[in-house]
């Protein structure tokens, strides 16, 4: 059977899409296992972690929010984790509520969507050092707090360095348990910078 140039293009596109999907699924599983192992290691035995990326959430036909962490098993204290190993995604802006209405997704719009879809109080979006844009890396600098939404973190998947994710999880847990309140945004950002530098 002869393969026309058009069919060849379609086959190549399908192969690329399959590889991208496999890579995303693999990353979700890997990070899910790392989160579970970390929570066990630090003694948060009552926390529940679920992989949710393949199931529809509260929004019709929407699967945003790859992992859900339920703090101490309390359904009112959920953290949605979205994994985005995507070089094209920008950080975005929080002003107003039009982040979801933008024609192009941003990190912040994905976080807001994850929270709504998984009925979560906070969100964490995870990028990989080797698969994210220079602009995003410069904006985030390892870990960044988005007021009222959650944390943007950059991990190093190649070196298996998930420390920024674990810091964000600990801080998010503390916020939901009311043991940490942010009084001054600038001071908090400065402390985050010191934490990542110390690591």
Foldseek 3Di string as FASTA:
>chain_A
DDQDPVNVVVVVVVVVVVVVVVVQVVVLVVVQVVVVVVCVVVPQVQKDKDQQQVDWFPDPPDRQFGMWIARSVDLQAIEGEGEDLAAVAAQDDDPDPCQCVDPDHHVQNSQVVRCVRHVHQEYEYEYEPVRYYPNRCVVQVAWDADPRHFMYGYAHVVVPGCPSVVVRVVVSSCVSVVVDDDDDRVVVRVVSNVVVVVD
